[in-house]
Amino acid sequence: MTVPLPPLPPTVGDDDEHYRPGGSSMVDLLADEHEQIGTLCRELADPALPAEQRHRVGEVLIATVTRHLSAEEQYLYPSVRSALPDGEPVADREIAADAALLRALVDLSAASTGEPDFDRAVSEISEQVDRHSRVAATEIFPALRSIATEADLIRLGNRVQIAEEAAPTRPHPTTPATPPWNRIVEPAVGVVDKVRDAVTGRQTYVEDLPDGTRP
């Protein structure tokens, strides 16, 4: 399989066929994130969760999904386009769905806990996340596994992790969603978001949540 990888360091040793880079497969990494995001959605939808905890979980969900979608658009969907026979329409469809999910995240960030708009946004996000995860698990990931080498998937996984560290933590539905511009714009926007997070003390990782608040 040929996938659009950034320049990579040379492999160690002469037998490249059996070389296995270190790290997690992109498919495994993104599947784990889908599970984590689903857990956050279920926690946020719990009406018994105190308002302050719902707010914290909501902030973490927004940041986690935003980073996740940014990395998928930089590496998963270009791989889908180049590797799968029907990759172009599949990638276009999923990027359009991502844009709708980002708009729902904007609605959530603008609402206050306890307001009907907050609950509506949580419901919309949960439905879209469920669809996103289901399509990936049943359609995209099995197809990539059947075509890609494990080494390719691990190298892509390493790039996904790097992209997520530099990604925005707030939804920006109007930023470019395809390479090369998203790989240029997203890190720049991410810097601005991280400065805002630091100034406001905003929590953006599950690990930031107090033990009693973590899903």
Protein backbone atom coordinates (compact mmCIF):
# COMPACT_ATOMS: atom_id res chain seq x y z
CA MET A 1 0.00 0.00 0.00
CA THR A 2 1.13 3.56 -0.72
CA VAL A 3 0.07 6.13 1.84
CA PRO A 4 1.01 9.83 2.03
CA LEU A 5 3.62 9.73 4.77
CA PRO A 6 5.82 12.70 5.67
CA PRO A 7 9.57 12.17 5.32
CA LEU A 8 10.69 9.36 7.62
CA PRO A 9 14.11 8.52 9.07
CA PRO A 10 15.93 5.57 7.50
CA THR A 11 15.17 2.17 8.96
CA VAL A 12 17.73 0.34 11.06
CA GLY A 13 19.31 -2.68 9.39
CA ASP A 14 19.25 -3.93 5.85
CA ASP A 15 16.12 -6.09 5.96
CA ASP A 16 13.40 -3.47 5.61
CA GLU A 17 10.74 -6.10 4.89
CA HIS A 18 10.82 -7.29 8.48
CA TYR A 19 11.47 -3.93 10.12
CA ARG A 20 8.79 -2.95 12.63
CA PRO A 21 8.92 0.64 13.94
CA GLY A 22 8.01 1.34 17.54
CA GLY A 23 4.66 2.80 18.49
CA SER A 24 0.95 2.15 18.11
CA SER A 25 -0.89 1.42 14.90
CA MET A 26 -2.98 4.36 13.71
CA VAL A 27 -6.02 2.08 13.62
CA ASP A 28 -5.52 0.90 17.21
CA LEU A 29 -4.79 4.40 18.44
CA LEU A 30 -7.87 5.96 16.84
CA ALA A 31 -10.09 3.06 17.93
CA ASP A 32 -8.98 3.57 21.54
CA GLU A 33 -9.75 7.28 21.23
CA HIS A 34 -13.21 6.50 19.86
CA GLU A 35 -13.88 4.42 22.96
CA GLN A 36 -12.61 7.18 25.25
CA ILE A 37 -14.72 9.81 23.48
CA GLY A 38 -17.80 7.61 23.72
CA THR A 39 -17.23 7.25 27.47
CA LEU A 40 -16.97 11.03 27.84
CA CYS A 41 -20.24 11.47 25.92
CA ARG A 42 -22.06 9.02 28.16
CA GLU A 43 -20.68 10.72 31.27
CA LEU A 44 -21.72 14.14 30.00
CA ALA A 45 -25.24 12.92 29.21
CA ASP A 46 -25.79 11.79 32.81
CA PRO A 47 -28.35 14.23 34.30
CA ALA A 48 -27.22 13.28 37.82
CA LEU A 49 -23.74 14.70 37.23
CA PRO A 50 -23.31 17.98 39.17
CA ALA A 51 -23.21 21.11 37.01
CA GLU A 52 -19.57 21.93 37.75
CA GLN A 53 -18.47 18.42 36.86
CA ARG A 54 -20.53 18.49 33.66
CA HIS A 55 -18.80 21.71 32.69
CA ARG A 56 -15.35 20.16 33.24
CA VAL A 57 -16.21 16.99 31.35
CA GLY A 58 -17.68 19.10 28.55
CA GLU A 59 -14.47 21.11 28.18
CA VAL A 60 -12.40 17.93 28.04
CA LEU A 61 -14.76 16.36 25.50
CA ILE A 62 -14.57 19.43 23.25
CA ALA A 63 -10.77 19.45 23.33
CA THR A 64 -10.42 15.68 22.90
CA VAL A 65 -12.75 15.49 19.91
CA THR A 66 -11.18 18.56 18.29
CA ARG A 67 -7.67 17.08 18.54
CA HIS A 68 -8.92 13.72 17.30
CA LEU A 69 -10.66 15.11 14.22
CA SER A 70 -7.68 17.28 13.36
CA ALA A 71 -5.34 14.28 13.35
CA GLU A 72 -7.76 12.12 11.36
CA GLU A 73 -8.08 14.80 8.68
CA GLN A 74 -4.31 15.11 8.46
CA TYR A 75 -3.48 11.40 8.26
CA LEU A 76 -6.43 8.99 8.28
CA TYR A 77 -8.42 10.43 5.40
CA PRO A 78 -5.43 11.04 3.09
CA SER A 79 -4.57 7.37 3.66
CA VAL A 80 -8.15 6.39 2.83
CA ARG A 81 -8.02 8.44 -0.38
CA SER A 82 -4.80 6.86 -1.59
CA ALA A 83 -5.34 3.28 -0.45
CA LEU A 84 -9.02 2.37 -0.84
CA PRO A 85 -10.74 1.91 -4.21
CA ASP A 86 -13.64 4.14 -3.12
CA GLY A 87 -11.44 6.29 -0.90
CA GLU A 88 -12.27 9.69 -2.40
CA PRO A 89 -16.04 9.66 -1.72
CA VAL A 90 -15.55 7.99 1.67
CA ALA A 91 -13.05 10.64 2.79
CA ASP A 92 -15.22 13.49 1.47
CA ARG A 93 -18.26 12.09 3.28
CA GLU A 94 -16.43 11.75 6.59
CA ILE A 95 -14.86 15.22 6.38
CA ALA A 96 -18.34 16.68 5.84
CA ALA A 97 -19.54 14.76 8.90
CA ASP A 98 -16.55 16.08 10.86
CA ALA A 99 -17.55 19.65 9.99
CA ALA A 100 -21.05 19.03 11.37
CA LEU A 101 -19.55 17.54 14.54
CA LEU A 102 -17.29 20.57 14.97
CA ARG A 103 -20.31 22.86 14.68
CA ALA A 104 -22.05 20.86 17.40
CA LEU A 105 -18.97 21.30 19.58
CA VAL A 106 -19.21 25.06 19.00
CA ASP A 107 -22.83 24.93 20.20
CA LEU A 108 -21.77 23.02 23.31
CA SER A 109 -19.00 25.47 24.11
CA ALA A 110 -21.45 28.38 23.85
CA ALA A 111 -24.07 26.84 26.16
CA SER A 112 -24.13 26.72 29.94
CA THR A 113 -24.82 23.56 31.90
CA GLY A 114 -28.46 23.32 32.87
CA GLU A 115 -29.65 25.09 29.72
CA PRO A 116 -31.70 23.20 27.11
CA ASP A 117 -29.14 24.18 24.46
CA PHE A 118 -26.45 22.34 26.42
CA ASP A 119 -28.46 19.12 26.54
CA ARG A 120 -29.37 19.41 22.86
CA ALA A 121 -25.72 19.84 21.94
CA VAL A 122 -24.70 16.85 24.07
CA SER A 123 -27.34 14.70 22.37
CA GLU A 124 -26.24 15.82 18.89
CA ILE A 125 -22.57 15.21 19.65
CA SER A 126 -23.30 11.78 21.12
CA GLU A 127 -25.23 10.73 18.01
CA GLN A 128 -22.53 11.97 15.67
CA VAL A 129 -19.73 10.40 17.70
CA ASP A 130 -21.57 7.08 17.70
CA ARG A 131 -21.91 7.22 13.92
CA HIS A 132 -18.29 8.31 13.47
CA SER A 133 -17.00 5.42 15.58
CA ARG A 134 -19.31 2.86 13.95
CA VAL A 135 -18.28 3.79 10.40
CA ALA A 136 -14.62 3.65 11.34
CA ALA A 137 -14.94 0.26 13.07
CA THR A 138 -17.03 -1.44 10.40
CA GLU A 139 -15.88 0.22 7.17
CA ILE A 140 -12.66 2.21 7.31
CA PHE A 141 -10.41 0.39 9.77
CA PRO A 142 -11.00 -3.15 8.41
CA ALA A 143 -10.30 -1.91 4.87
CA LEU A 144 -7.04 -0.25 5.90
CA ARG A 145 -5.93 -3.31 7.87
CA SER A 146 -6.52 -5.50 4.83
CA ILE A 147 -4.32 -3.33 2.59
CA ALA A 148 -1.72 -1.55 4.73
CA THR A 149 1.36 -3.10 6.26
CA GLU A 150 1.66 -3.01 10.02
CA ALA A 151 4.77 -0.85 9.66
CA ASP A 152 2.82 1.71 7.62
CA LEU A 153 0.03 1.81 10.19
CA ILE A 154 2.51 2.24 13.06
CA ARG A 155 4.30 5.06 11.28
CA LEU A 156 0.97 6.73 10.65
CA GLY A 157 0.08 6.21 14.30
CA ASN A 158 3.25 8.02 15.32
CA ARG A 159 2.32 10.92 13.03
CA VAL A 160 -1.21 11.02 14.48
CA GLN A 161 0.18 11.37 18.00
CA ILE A 162 2.45 14.22 16.91
CA ALA A 163 -0.43 15.93 15.12
CA GLU A 164 -2.68 15.69 18.17
CA GLU A 165 -0.08 17.32 20.40
CA ALA A 166 0.02 20.32 18.06
CA ALA A 167 -3.70 20.35 17.20
CA PRO A 168 -6.29 22.95 18.24
CA THR A 169 -8.21 22.32 21.46
CA ARG A 170 -11.27 24.31 20.38
CA PRO A 171 -13.50 23.68 17.35
CA HIS A 172 -12.75 25.74 14.24
CA PRO A 173 -15.20 24.51 11.57
CA THR A 174 -13.96 26.99 8.93
CA THR A 175 -10.27 25.99 8.95
CA PRO A 176 -8.97 23.86 6.03
CA ALA A 177 -9.80 20.16 6.38
CA THR A 178 -7.46 18.68 3.76
CA PRO A 179 -3.66 18.66 3.22
CA PRO A 180 -1.49 20.54 2.74
CA TRP A 181 -3.21 23.56 4.29
CA ASN A 182 -4.62 21.80 7.35
CA ARG A 183 -1.12 20.61 8.29
CA ILE A 184 0.02 24.24 8.17
CA VAL A 185 -2.98 25.99 9.70
CA GLU A 186 -3.93 23.53 12.46
CA PRO A 187 -0.66 23.80 14.46
CA ALA A 188 -0.78 27.60 14.23
CA VAL A 189 -4.36 27.66 15.51
CA GLY A 190 -3.37 25.11 18.15
CA VAL A 191 -0.76 27.50 19.58
CA VAL A 192 -3.41 30.20 20.02
CA ASP A 193 -5.82 27.75 21.65
CA LYS A 194 -3.19 26.51 24.09
CA VAL A 195 -2.36 30.07 25.14
CA ARG A 196 -6.06 30.70 25.82
CA ASP A 197 -6.28 27.42 27.75
CA ALA A 198 -3.31 28.38 29.92
CA VAL A 199 -4.69 31.86 30.64
CA THR A 200 -8.13 30.58 31.57
CA GLY A 201 -7.00 27.40 33.34
CA ARG A 202 -9.13 25.32 30.96
CA GLN A 203 -8.80 21.54 31.25
CA THR A 204 -8.28 19.69 27.97
CA TYR A 205 -7.26 16.10 28.85
CA VAL A 206 -9.07 13.34 30.72
CA GLU A 207 -6.03 13.19 33.00
CA ASP A 208 -6.71 16.82 33.99
CA LEU A 209 -10.06 15.91 35.53
CA PRO A 210 -10.20 15.26 39.30
CA ASP A 211 -10.37 11.56 40.13
CA GLY A 212 -14.02 11.81 41.09
CA THR A 213 -14.86 13.47 37.78
CA ARG A 214 -13.05 11.14 35.41
CA PRO A 215 -15.28 8.84 33.35
